[in-house]
Amino acid sequence: MTALAATSAGDLVVAGDGELALVPVAASRAVADPATVAEFLASTTEIPDDGLPEDHAVRTDGVGTWRPDELATITKTAPSDPRWLQFRAEDNARRY
């Protein structure tokens, strides 16, 4: 698993191994399947308490990948880069 998110309706969106899945969460189902929970926990790791969660996030647009240390120093981008990355680079360029 590389990403986990929840929709506004409470369903889960799971990404991993190049696949994306929507996992409906039934409101009446109060107990999770223990085997599924164990499998999920075995495939994940806790974010360390030594900083913000964003300090450990790896961002991707499906083509490029950017680690937190790279995002802190990037000052140049290509027109094809995601707009959020262009904004980050412009902001960093003003600081340095």
PDB file of N, CA and C in Angstrom:
ATOM      1  N   MET A   1       0.845  -1.165   0.000  1.00  0.00           N
ATOM      2  CA  MET A   1       0.000   0.000   0.000  1.00  0.00           C
ATOM      3  C   MET A   1       0.894   1.232   0.000  1.00  0.00           C
ATOM      4  N   THR A   2       0.563   2.172  -0.885  1.00  0.00           N
ATOM      5  CA  THR A   2       1.340   3.402  -0.933  1.00  0.00           C
ATOM      6  C   THR A   2       0.526   4.615  -0.521  1.00  0.00           C
ATOM      7  N   ALA A   3      -0.794   4.494  -0.496  1.00  0.00           N
ATOM      8  CA  ALA A   3      -1.626   5.625  -0.082  1.00  0.00           C
ATOM      9  C   ALA A   3      -2.949   5.119   0.473  1.00  0.00           C
ATOM     10  N   LEU A   4      -3.470   5.862   1.435  1.00  0.00           N
ATOM     11  CA  LEU A   4      -4.754   5.539   2.043  1.00  0.00           C
ATOM     12  C   LEU A   4      -5.462   6.854   2.330  1.00  0.00           C
ATOM     13  N   ALA A   5      -6.714   6.949   1.912  1.00  0.00           N
ATOM     14  CA  ALA A   5      -7.500   8.158   2.150  1.00  0.00           C
ATOM     15  C   ALA A   5      -8.955   7.753   2.370  1.00  0.00           C
ATOM     16  N   ALA A   6      -9.737   8.684   2.882  1.00  0.00           N
ATOM     17  CA  ALA A   6     -11.164   8.440   3.094  1.00  0.00           C
ATOM     18  C   ALA A   6     -11.966   9.459   2.295  1.00  0.00           C
ATOM     19  N   THR A   7     -13.070   9.001   1.740  1.00  0.00           N
ATOM     20  CA  THR A   7     -13.964   9.912   1.030  1.00  0.00           C
ATOM     21  C   THR A   7     -14.850  10.619   2.045  1.00  0.00           C
ATOM     22  N   SER A   8     -15.589  11.625   1.589  1.00  0.00           N
ATOM     23  CA  SER A   8     -16.484  12.341   2.496  1.00  0.00           C
ATOM     24  C   SER A   8     -17.601  11.434   3.009  1.00  0.00           C
ATOM     25  N   ALA A   9     -17.874  10.353   2.294  1.00  0.00           N
ATOM     26  CA  ALA A   9     -18.900   9.406   2.728  1.00  0.00           C
ATOM     27  C   ALA A   9     -18.355   8.363   3.698  1.00  0.00           C
ATOM     28  N   GLY A  10     -17.034   8.374   3.929  1.00  0.00           N
ATOM     29  CA  GLY A  10     -16.442   7.441   4.867  1.00  0.00           C
ATOM     30  C   GLY A  10     -15.850   6.201   4.226  1.00  0.00           C
ATOM     31  N   ASP A  11     -15.977   6.048   2.909  1.00  0.00           N
ATOM     32  CA  ASP A  11     -15.371   4.912   2.231  1.00  0.00           C
ATOM     33  C   ASP A  11     -13.862   5.136   2.131  1.00  0.00           C
ATOM     34  N   LEU A  12     -13.112   4.065   1.926  1.00  0.00           N
ATOM     35  CA  LEU A  12     -11.658   4.165   1.840  1.00  0.00           C
ATOM     36  C   LEU A  12     -11.197   4.120   0.394  1.00  0.00           C
ATOM     37  N   VAL A  13     -10.155   4.885   0.100  1.00  0.00           N
ATOM     38  CA  VAL A  13      -9.484   4.838  -1.189  1.00  0.00           C
ATOM     39  C   VAL A  13      -8.074   4.336  -0.899  1.00  0.00           C
ATOM     40  N   VAL A  14      -7.699   3.225  -1.532  1.00  0.00           N
ATOM     41  CA  VAL A  14      -6.422   2.579  -1.273  1.00  0.00           C
ATOM     42  C   VAL A  14      -5.644   2.501  -2.581  1.00  0.00           C
ATOM     43  N   ALA A  15      -4.348   2.832  -2.535  1.00  0.00           N
ATOM     44  CA  ALA A  15      -3.495   2.746  -3.715  1.00  0.00           C
ATOM     45  C   ALA A  15      -2.273   1.908  -3.390  1.00  0.00           C
ATOM     46  N   GLY A  16      -1.831   1.154  -4.375  1.00  0.00           N
ATOM     47  CA  GLY A  16      -0.623   0.363  -4.218  1.00  0.00           C
ATOM     48  C   GLY A  16      -0.379  -0.497  -5.425  1.00  0.00           C
ATOM     49  N   ASP A  17       0.873  -0.743  -5.743  1.00  0.00           N
ATOM     50  CA  ASP A  17       1.270  -1.576  -6.876  1.00  0.00           C
ATOM     51  C   ASP A  17       0.603  -1.140  -8.174  1.00  0.00           C
ATOM     52  N   GLY A  18       0.479   0.172  -8.371  1.00  0.00           N
ATOM     53  CA  GLY A  18      -0.096   0.690  -9.602  1.00  0.00           C
ATOM     54  C   GLY A  18      -1.598   0.559  -9.706  1.00  0.00           C
ATOM     55  N   GLU A  19      -2.252   0.193  -8.637  1.00  0.00           N
ATOM     56  CA  GLU A  19      -3.700   0.032  -8.648  1.00  0.00           C
ATOM     57  C   GLU A  19      -4.355   0.957  -7.631  1.00  0.00           C
ATOM     58  N   LEU A  20      -5.606   1.315  -7.897  1.00  0.00           N
ATOM     59  CA  LEU A  20      -6.395   2.160  -7.023  1.00  0.00           C
ATOM     60  C   LEU A  20      -7.703   1.435  -6.748  1.00  0.00           C
ATOM     61  N   ALA A  21      -8.108   1.399  -5.489  1.00  0.00           N
ATOM     62  CA  ALA A  21      -9.343   0.694  -5.137  1.00  0.00           C
ATOM     63  C   ALA A  21     -10.193   1.545  -4.212  1.00  0.00           C
ATOM     64  N   LEU A  22     -11.493   1.505  -4.447  1.00  0.00           N
ATOM     65  CA  LEU A  22     -12.461   2.132  -3.556  1.00  0.00           C
ATOM     66  C   LEU A  22     -13.045   1.027  -2.700  1.00  0.00           C
ATOM     67  N   VAL A  23     -12.921   1.175  -1.386  1.00  0.00           N
ATOM     68  CA  VAL A  23     -13.395   0.158  -0.459  1.00  0.00           C
ATOM     69  C   VAL A  23     -14.596   0.730   0.295  1.00  0.00           C
ATOM     70  N   PRO A  24     -15.799   0.282  -0.071  1.00  0.00           N
ATOM     71  CA  PRO A  24     -16.973   0.794   0.632  1.00  0.00           C
ATOM     72  C   PRO A  24     -16.985   0.317   2.085  1.00  0.00           C
ATOM     73  N   VAL A  25     -17.348   1.211   2.961  1.00  0.00           N
ATOM     74  CA  VAL A  25     -17.433   0.877   4.378  1.00  0.00           C
ATOM     75  C   VAL A  25     -18.900   0.960   4.767  1.00  0.00           C
ATOM     76  N   ALA A  26     -19.479  -0.182   5.020  1.00  0.00           N
ATOM     77  CA  ALA A  26     -20.899  -0.226   5.376  1.00  0.00           C
ATOM     78  C   ALA A  26     -21.107   0.389   6.758  1.00  0.00           C
ATOM     79  N   ALA A  27     -22.076   1.286   6.863  1.00  0.00           N
ATOM     80  CA  ALA A  27     -22.350   1.966   8.134  1.00  0.00           C
ATOM     81  C   ALA A  27     -22.783   0.995   9.220  1.00  0.00           C
ATOM     82  N   SER A  28     -23.447  -0.086   8.833  1.00  0.00           N
ATOM     83  CA  SER A  28     -23.948  -1.027   9.834  1.00  0.00           C
ATOM     84  C   SER A  28     -22.881  -2.019  10.289  1.00  0.00           C
ATOM     85  N   ARG A  29     -21.758  -2.047   9.625  1.00  0.00           N
ATOM     86  CA  ARG A  29     -20.702  -2.998   9.971  1.00  0.00           C
ATOM     87  C   ARG A  29     -19.798  -2.377  11.028  1.00  0.00           C
ATOM     88  N   ALA A  30     -19.910  -2.816  12.246  1.00  0.00           N
ATOM     89  CA  ALA A  30     -19.176  -2.224  13.357  1.00  0.00           C
ATOM     90  C   ALA A  30     -17.848  -2.922  13.634  1.00  0.00           C
ATOM     91  N   VAL A  31     -17.665  -4.156  13.154  1.00  0.00           N
ATOM     92  CA  VAL A  31     -16.461  -4.922  13.459  1.00  0.00           C
ATOM     93  C   VAL A  31     -15.739  -5.271  12.160  1.00  0.00           C
ATOM     94  N   ALA A  32     -14.461  -4.945  12.106  1.00  0.00           N
ATOM     95  CA  ALA A  32     -13.662  -5.260  10.931  1.00  0.00           C
ATOM     96  C   ALA A  32     -13.225  -6.714  10.965  1.00  0.00           C
ATOM     97  N   ASP A  33     -12.999  -7.279   9.796  1.00  0.00           N
ATOM     98  CA  ASP A  33     -12.497  -8.642   9.684  1.00  0.00           C
ATOM     99  C   ASP A  33     -11.083  -8.690  10.249  1.00  0.00           C
ATOM    100  N   PRO A  34     -10.821  -9.481  11.281  1.00  0.00           N
ATOM    101  CA  PRO A  34      -9.496  -9.509  11.921  1.00  0.00           C
ATOM    102  C   PRO A  34      -8.360  -9.839  10.952  1.00  0.00           C
ATOM    103  N   ALA A  35      -8.594 -10.735  10.004  1.00  0.00           N
ATOM    104  CA  ALA A  35      -7.539 -11.099   9.058  1.00  0.00           C
ATOM    105  C   ALA A  35      -7.183  -9.921   8.161  1.00  0.00           C
ATOM    106  N   THR A  36      -8.195  -9.161   7.746  1.00  0.00           N
ATOM    107  CA  THR A  36      -7.950  -7.992   6.901  1.00  0.00           C
ATOM    108  C   THR A  36      -7.194  -6.924   7.674  1.00  0.00           C
ATOM    109  N   VAL A  37      -7.570  -6.725   8.920  1.00  0.00           N
ATOM    110  CA  VAL A  37      -6.881  -5.747   9.766  1.00  0.00           C
ATOM    111  C   VAL A  37      -5.431  -6.166   9.974  1.00  0.00           C
ATOM    112  N   ALA A  38      -5.193  -7.427  10.257  1.00  0.00           N
ATOM    113  CA  ALA A  38      -3.830  -7.920  10.471  1.00  0.00           C
ATOM    114  C   ALA A  38      -2.987  -7.752   9.208  1.00  0.00           C
ATOM    115  N   GLU A  39      -3.568  -8.050   8.053  1.00  0.00           N
ATOM    116  CA  GLU A  39      -2.843  -7.892   6.788  1.00  0.00           C
ATOM    117  C   GLU A  39      -2.501  -6.423   6.538  1.00  0.00           C
ATOM    118  N   PHE A  40      -3.458  -5.535   6.813  1.00  0.00           N
ATOM    119  CA  PHE A  40      -3.227  -4.107   6.635  1.00  0.00           C
ATOM    120  C   PHE A  40      -2.111  -3.623   7.554  1.00  0.00           C
ATOM    121  N   LEU A  41      -2.173  -3.979   8.824  1.00  0.00           N
ATOM    122  CA  LEU A  41      -1.163  -3.533   9.784  1.00  0.00           C
ATOM    123  C   LEU A  41       0.217  -4.072   9.450  1.00  0.00           C
ATOM    124  N   ALA A  42       0.280  -5.289   8.922  1.00  0.00           N
ATOM    125  CA  ALA A  42       1.569  -5.877   8.556  1.00  0.00           C
ATOM    126  C   ALA A  42       2.187  -5.175   7.348  1.00  0.00           C
ATOM    127  N   SER A  43       1.350  -4.537   6.533  1.00  0.00           N
ATOM    128  CA  SER A  43       1.869  -3.886   5.326  1.00  0.00           C
ATOM    129  C   SER A  43       2.148  -2.404   5.511  1.00  0.00           C
ATOM    130  N   THR A  44       1.976  -1.879   6.737  1.00  0.00           N
ATOM    131  CA  THR A  44       2.182  -0.459   6.976  1.00  0.00           C
ATOM    132  C   THR A  44       3.205  -0.239   8.079  1.00  0.00           C
ATOM    133  N   THR A  45       3.683   1.000   8.179  1.00  0.00           N
ATOM    134  CA  THR A  45       4.571   1.379   9.273  1.00  0.00           C
ATOM    135  C   THR A  45       4.078   2.700   9.847  1.00  0.00           C
ATOM    136  N   GLU A  46       4.351   2.923  11.103  1.00  0.00           N
ATOM    137  CA  GLU A  46       3.968   4.160  11.779  1.00  0.00           C
ATOM    138  C   GLU A  46       4.890   5.289  11.338  1.00  0.00           C
ATOM    139  N   ILE A  47       4.361   6.493  11.256  1.00  0.00           N
ATOM    140  CA  ILE A  47       5.186   7.664  11.019  1.00  0.00           C
ATOM    141  C   ILE A  47       5.849   8.010  12.347  1.00  0.00           C
ATOM    142  N   PRO A  48       7.177   8.186  12.352  1.00  0.00           N
ATOM    143  CA  PRO A  48       7.862   8.496  13.605  1.00  0.00           C
ATOM    144  C   PRO A  48       7.365   9.810  14.214  1.00  0.00           C
ATOM    145  N   ASP A  49       7.504   9.938  15.516  1.00  0.00           N
ATOM    146  CA  ASP A  49       7.078  11.141  16.224  1.00  0.00           C
ATOM    147  C   ASP A  49       8.140  12.241  16.195  1.00  0.00           C
ATOM    148  N   ASP A  50       9.098  12.154  15.293  1.00  0.00           N
ATOM    149  CA  ASP A  50      10.181  13.132  15.275  1.00  0.00           C
ATOM    150  C   ASP A  50       9.921  14.307  14.329  1.00  0.00           C
ATOM    151  N   GLY A  51       8.680  14.578  14.039  1.00  0.00           N
ATOM    152  CA  GLY A  51       8.365  15.706  13.167  1.00  0.00           C
ATOM    153  C   GLY A  51       6.936  15.621  12.689  1.00  0.00           C
ATOM    154  N   LEU A  52       6.596  16.486  11.767  1.00  0.00           N
ATOM    155  CA  LEU A  52       5.260  16.496  11.199  1.00  0.00           C
ATOM    156  C   LEU A  52       5.095  15.333  10.225  1.00  0.00           C
ATOM    157  N   PRO A  53       3.873  14.827  10.041  1.00  0.00           N
ATOM    158  CA  PRO A  53       3.663  13.760   9.054  1.00  0.00           C
ATOM    159  C   PRO A  53       4.150  14.168   7.666  1.00  0.00           C
ATOM    160  N   GLU A  54       4.035  15.459   7.329  1.00  0.00           N
ATOM    161  CA  GLU A  54       4.478  15.927   6.021  1.00  0.00           C
ATOM    162  C   GLU A  54       5.974  15.733   5.827  1.00  0.00           C
ATOM    163  N   ASP A  55       6.720  15.671   6.935  1.00  0.00           N
ATOM    164  CA  ASP A  55       8.166  15.477   6.845  1.00  0.00           C
ATOM    165  C   ASP A  55       8.520  14.095   6.327  1.00  0.00           C
ATOM    166  N   HIS A  56       7.563  13.176   6.349  1.00  0.00           N
ATOM    167  CA  HIS A  56       7.823  11.795   5.948  1.00  0.00           C
ATOM    168  C   HIS A  56       7.064  11.398   4.690  1.00  0.00           C
ATOM    169  N   ALA A  57       6.277  12.306   4.142  1.00  0.00           N
ATOM    170  CA  ALA A  57       5.469  11.999   2.970  1.00  0.00           C
ATOM    171  C   ALA A  57       6.309  12.085   1.701  1.00  0.00           C
ATOM    172  N   VAL A  58       6.071  11.161   0.809  1.00  0.00           N
ATOM    173  CA  VAL A  58       6.676  11.202  -0.513  1.00  0.00           C
ATOM    174  C   VAL A  58       5.556  11.576  -1.471  1.00  0.00           C
ATOM    175  N   ARG A  59       5.764  12.644  -2.219  1.00  0.00           N
ATOM    176  CA  ARG A  59       4.718  13.124  -3.128  1.00  0.00           C
ATOM    177  C   ARG A  59       5.009  12.658  -4.543  1.00  0.00           C
ATOM    178  N   THR A  60       3.946  12.310  -5.262  1.00  0.00           N
ATOM    179  CA  THR A  60       4.093  11.870  -6.643  1.00  0.00           C
ATOM    180  C   THR A  60       2.907  12.336  -7.462  1.00  0.00           C
ATOM    181  N   ASP A  61       3.156  12.522  -8.747  1.00  0.00           N
ATOM    182  CA  ASP A  61       2.071  12.824  -9.674  1.00  0.00           C
ATOM    183  C   ASP A  61       1.833  11.631 -10.591  1.00  0.00           C
ATOM    184  N   GLY A  62       2.434  10.501 -10.259  1.00  0.00           N
ATOM    185  CA  GLY A  62       2.329   9.300 -11.079  1.00  0.00           C
ATOM    186  C   GLY A  62       3.483   9.163 -12.052  1.00  0.00           C
ATOM    187  N   VAL A  63       4.239  10.236 -12.237  1.00  0.00           N
ATOM    188  CA  VAL A  63       5.397  10.218 -13.123  1.00  0.00           C
ATOM    189  C   VAL A  63       6.662  10.517 -12.325  1.00  0.00           C
ATOM    190  N   GLY A  64       6.662  11.670 -11.654  1.00  0.00           N
ATOM    191  CA  GLY A  64       7.800  12.063 -10.825  1.00  0.00           C
ATOM    192  C   GLY A  64       7.506  11.810  -9.361  1.00  0.00           C
ATOM    193  N   THR A  65       8.571  11.719  -8.573  1.00  0.00           N
ATOM    194  CA  THR A  65       8.448  11.514  -7.134  1.00  0.00           C
ATOM    195  C   THR A  65       9.354  12.518  -6.438  1.00  0.00           C
ATOM    196  N   TRP A  66       8.827  13.145  -5.371  1.00  0.00           N
ATOM    197  CA  TRP A  66       9.577  14.161  -4.640  1.00  0.00           C
ATOM    198  C   TRP A  66       9.553  13.851  -3.159  1.00  0.00           C
ATOM    199  N   ARG A  67      10.735  13.771  -2.562  1.00  0.00           N
ATOM    200  CA  ARG A  67      10.870  13.540  -1.123  1.00  0.00           C
ATOM    201  C   ARG A  67      10.920  14.890  -0.407  1.00  0.00           C
ATOM    202  N   PRO A  68      10.595  14.908   0.893  1.00  0.00           N
ATOM    203  CA  PRO A  68      10.574  16.170   1.637  1.00  0.00           C
ATOM    204  C   PRO A  68      11.859  16.985   1.533  1.00  0.00           C
ATOM    205  N   ASP A  69      13.027  16.328   1.601  1.00  0.00           N
ATOM    206  CA  ASP A  69      14.281  17.076   1.524  1.00  0.00           C
ATOM    207  C   ASP A  69      14.461  17.723   0.156  1.00  0.00           C
ATOM    208  N   GLU A  70      13.957  17.102  -0.899  1.00  0.00           N
ATOM    209  CA  GLU A  70      14.027  17.698  -2.234  1.00  0.00           C
ATOM    210  C   GLU A  70      13.090  18.898  -2.339  1.00  0.00           C
ATOM    211  N   LEU A  71      11.900  18.766  -1.774  1.00  0.00           N
ATOM    212  CA  LEU A  71      10.919  19.847  -1.848  1.00  0.00           C
ATOM    213  C   LEU A  71      11.385  21.091  -1.097  1.00  0.00           C
ATOM    214  N   ALA A  72      12.203  20.903  -0.093  1.00  0.00           N
ATOM    215  CA  ALA A  72      12.681  22.042   0.694  1.00  0.00           C
ATOM    216  C   ALA A  72      13.697  22.882  -0.069  1.00  0.00           C
ATOM    217  N   THR A  73      14.332  22.307  -1.099  1.00  0.00           N
ATOM    218  CA  THR A  73      15.398  23.031  -1.790  1.00  0.00           C
ATOM    219  C   THR A  73      15.146  23.256  -3.276  1.00  0.00           C
ATOM    220  N   ILE A  74      14.109  22.685  -3.829  1.00  0.00           N
ATOM    221  CA  ILE A  74      13.858  22.827  -5.265  1.00  0.00           C
ATOM    222  C   ILE A  74      13.520  24.278  -5.610  1.00  0.00           C
ATOM    223  N   THR A  75      14.176  24.803  -6.662  1.00  0.00           N
ATOM    224  CA  THR A  75      13.926  26.190  -7.082  1.00  0.00           C
ATOM    225  C   THR A  75      13.594  26.301  -8.568  1.00  0.00           C
ATOM    226  N   LYS A  76      13.748  25.228  -9.316  1.00  0.00           N
ATOM    227  CA  LYS A  76      13.455  25.250 -10.755  1.00  0.00           C
ATOM    228  C   LYS A  76      12.583  24.061 -11.119  1.00  0.00           C
ATOM    229  N   THR A  77      11.640  24.287 -12.024  1.00  0.00           N
ATOM    230  CA  THR A  77      10.751  23.233 -12.500  1.00  0.00           C
ATOM    231  C   THR A  77      10.578  23.366 -14.002  1.00  0.00           C
ATOM    232  N   ALA A  78       9.978  22.353 -14.580  1.00  0.00           N
ATOM    233  CA  ALA A  78       9.648  22.364 -16.009  1.00  0.00           C
ATOM    234  C   ALA A  78       8.164  22.708 -16.160  1.00  0.00           C
ATOM    235  N   PRO A  79       7.767  23.253 -17.300  1.00  0.00           N
ATOM    236  CA  PRO A  79       6.352  23.566 -17.526  1.00  0.00           C
ATOM    237  C   PRO A  79       5.433  22.346 -17.379  1.00  0.00           C
ATOM    238  N   SER A  80       5.977  21.163 -17.581  1.00  0.00           N
ATOM    239  CA  SER A  80       5.166  19.946 -17.464  1.00  0.00           C
ATOM    240  C   SER A  80       5.022  19.455 -16.028  1.00  0.00           C
ATOM    241  N   ASP A  81       5.773  20.045 -15.096  1.00  0.00           N
ATOM    242  CA  ASP A  81       5.670  19.648 -13.689  1.00  0.00           C
ATOM    243  C   ASP A  81       4.318  20.073 -13.123  1.00  0.00           C
ATOM    244  N   PRO A  82       3.848  19.371 -12.087  1.00  0.00           N
ATOM    245  CA  PRO A  82       2.567  19.745 -11.472  1.00  0.00           C
ATOM    246  C   PRO A  82       2.605  21.190 -10.970  1.00  0.00           C
ATOM    247  N   ARG A  83       1.469  21.845 -11.027  1.00  0.00           N
ATOM    248  CA  ARG A  83       1.407  23.264 -10.642  1.00  0.00           C
ATOM    249  C   ARG A  83       1.807  23.469  -9.178  1.00  0.00           C
ATOM    250  N   TRP A  84       1.445  22.529  -8.284  1.00  0.00           N
ATOM    251  CA  TRP A  84       1.806  22.682  -6.882  1.00  0.00           C
ATOM    252  C   TRP A  84       3.322  22.677  -6.718  1.00  0.00           C
ATOM    253  N   LEU A  85       4.028  21.895  -7.569  1.00  0.00           N
ATOM    254  CA  LEU A  85       5.487  21.845  -7.496  1.00  0.00           C
ATOM    255  C   LEU A  85       6.085  23.146  -8.023  1.00  0.00           C
ATOM    256  N   GLN A  86       5.490  23.705  -9.061  1.00  0.00           N
ATOM    257  CA  GLN A  86       5.947  24.984  -9.584  1.00  0.00           C
ATOM    258  C   GLN A  86       5.807  26.086  -8.528  1.00  0.00           C
ATOM    259  N   PHE A  87       4.675  26.077  -7.816  1.00  0.00           N
ATOM    260  CA  PHE A  87       4.481  27.062  -6.738  1.00  0.00           C
ATOM    261  C   PHE A  87       5.540  26.892  -5.647  1.00  0.00           C
ATOM    262  N   ARG A  88       5.794  25.647  -5.277  1.00  0.00           N
ATOM    263  CA  ARG A  88       6.792  25.376  -4.232  1.00  0.00           C
ATOM    264  C   ARG A  88       8.158  25.878  -4.655  1.00  0.00           C
ATOM    265  N   ALA A  89       8.542  25.618  -5.909  1.00  0.00           N
ATOM    266  CA  ALA A  89       9.837  26.049  -6.407  1.00  0.00           C
ATOM    267  C   ALA A  89       9.936  27.572  -6.437  1.00  0.00           C
ATOM    268  N   GLU A  90       8.862  28.242  -6.845  1.00  0.00           N
ATOM    269  CA  GLU A  90       8.855  29.707  -6.857  1.00  0.00           C
ATOM    270  C   GLU A  90       9.010  30.260  -5.444  1.00  0.00           C
ATOM    271  N   ASP A  91       8.328  29.653  -4.509  1.00  0.00           N
ATOM    272  CA  ASP A  91       8.430  30.082  -3.113  1.00  0.00           C
ATOM    273  C   ASP A  91       9.844  29.870  -2.579  1.00  0.00           C
ATOM    274  N   ASN A  92      10.419  28.704  -2.855  1.00  0.00           N
ATOM    275  CA  ASN A  92      11.797  28.427  -2.420  1.00  0.00           C
ATOM    276  C   ASN A  92      12.787  29.395  -3.055  1.00  0.00           C
ATOM    277  N   ALA A  93      12.590  29.724  -4.333  1.00  0.00           N
ATOM    278  CA  ALA A  93      13.511  30.621  -5.036  1.00  0.00           C
ATOM    279  C   ALA A  93      13.505  32.002  -4.382  1.00  0.00           C
ATOM    280  N   ARG A  94      12.365  32.442  -3.879  1.00  0.00           N
ATOM    281  CA  ARG A  94      12.294  33.742  -3.208  1.00  0.00           C
ATOM    282  C   ARG A  94      13.064  33.722  -1.886  1.00  0.00           C
ATOM    283  N   ARG A  95      13.089  32.577  -1.247  1.00  0.00           N
ATOM    284  CA  ARG A  95      13.761  32.465   0.055  1.00  0.00           C
ATOM    285  C   ARG A  95      15.271  32.363  -0.078  1.00  0.00           C
ATOM    286  N   TYR A  96      15.740  31.720  -1.159  1.00  0.00           N
ATOM    287  CA  TYR A  96      17.193  31.450  -1.277  1.00  0.00           C
ATOM    288  C   TYR A  96      17.847  32.515  -2.075  1.00  0.00           C
TER     289      TYR A  96
END
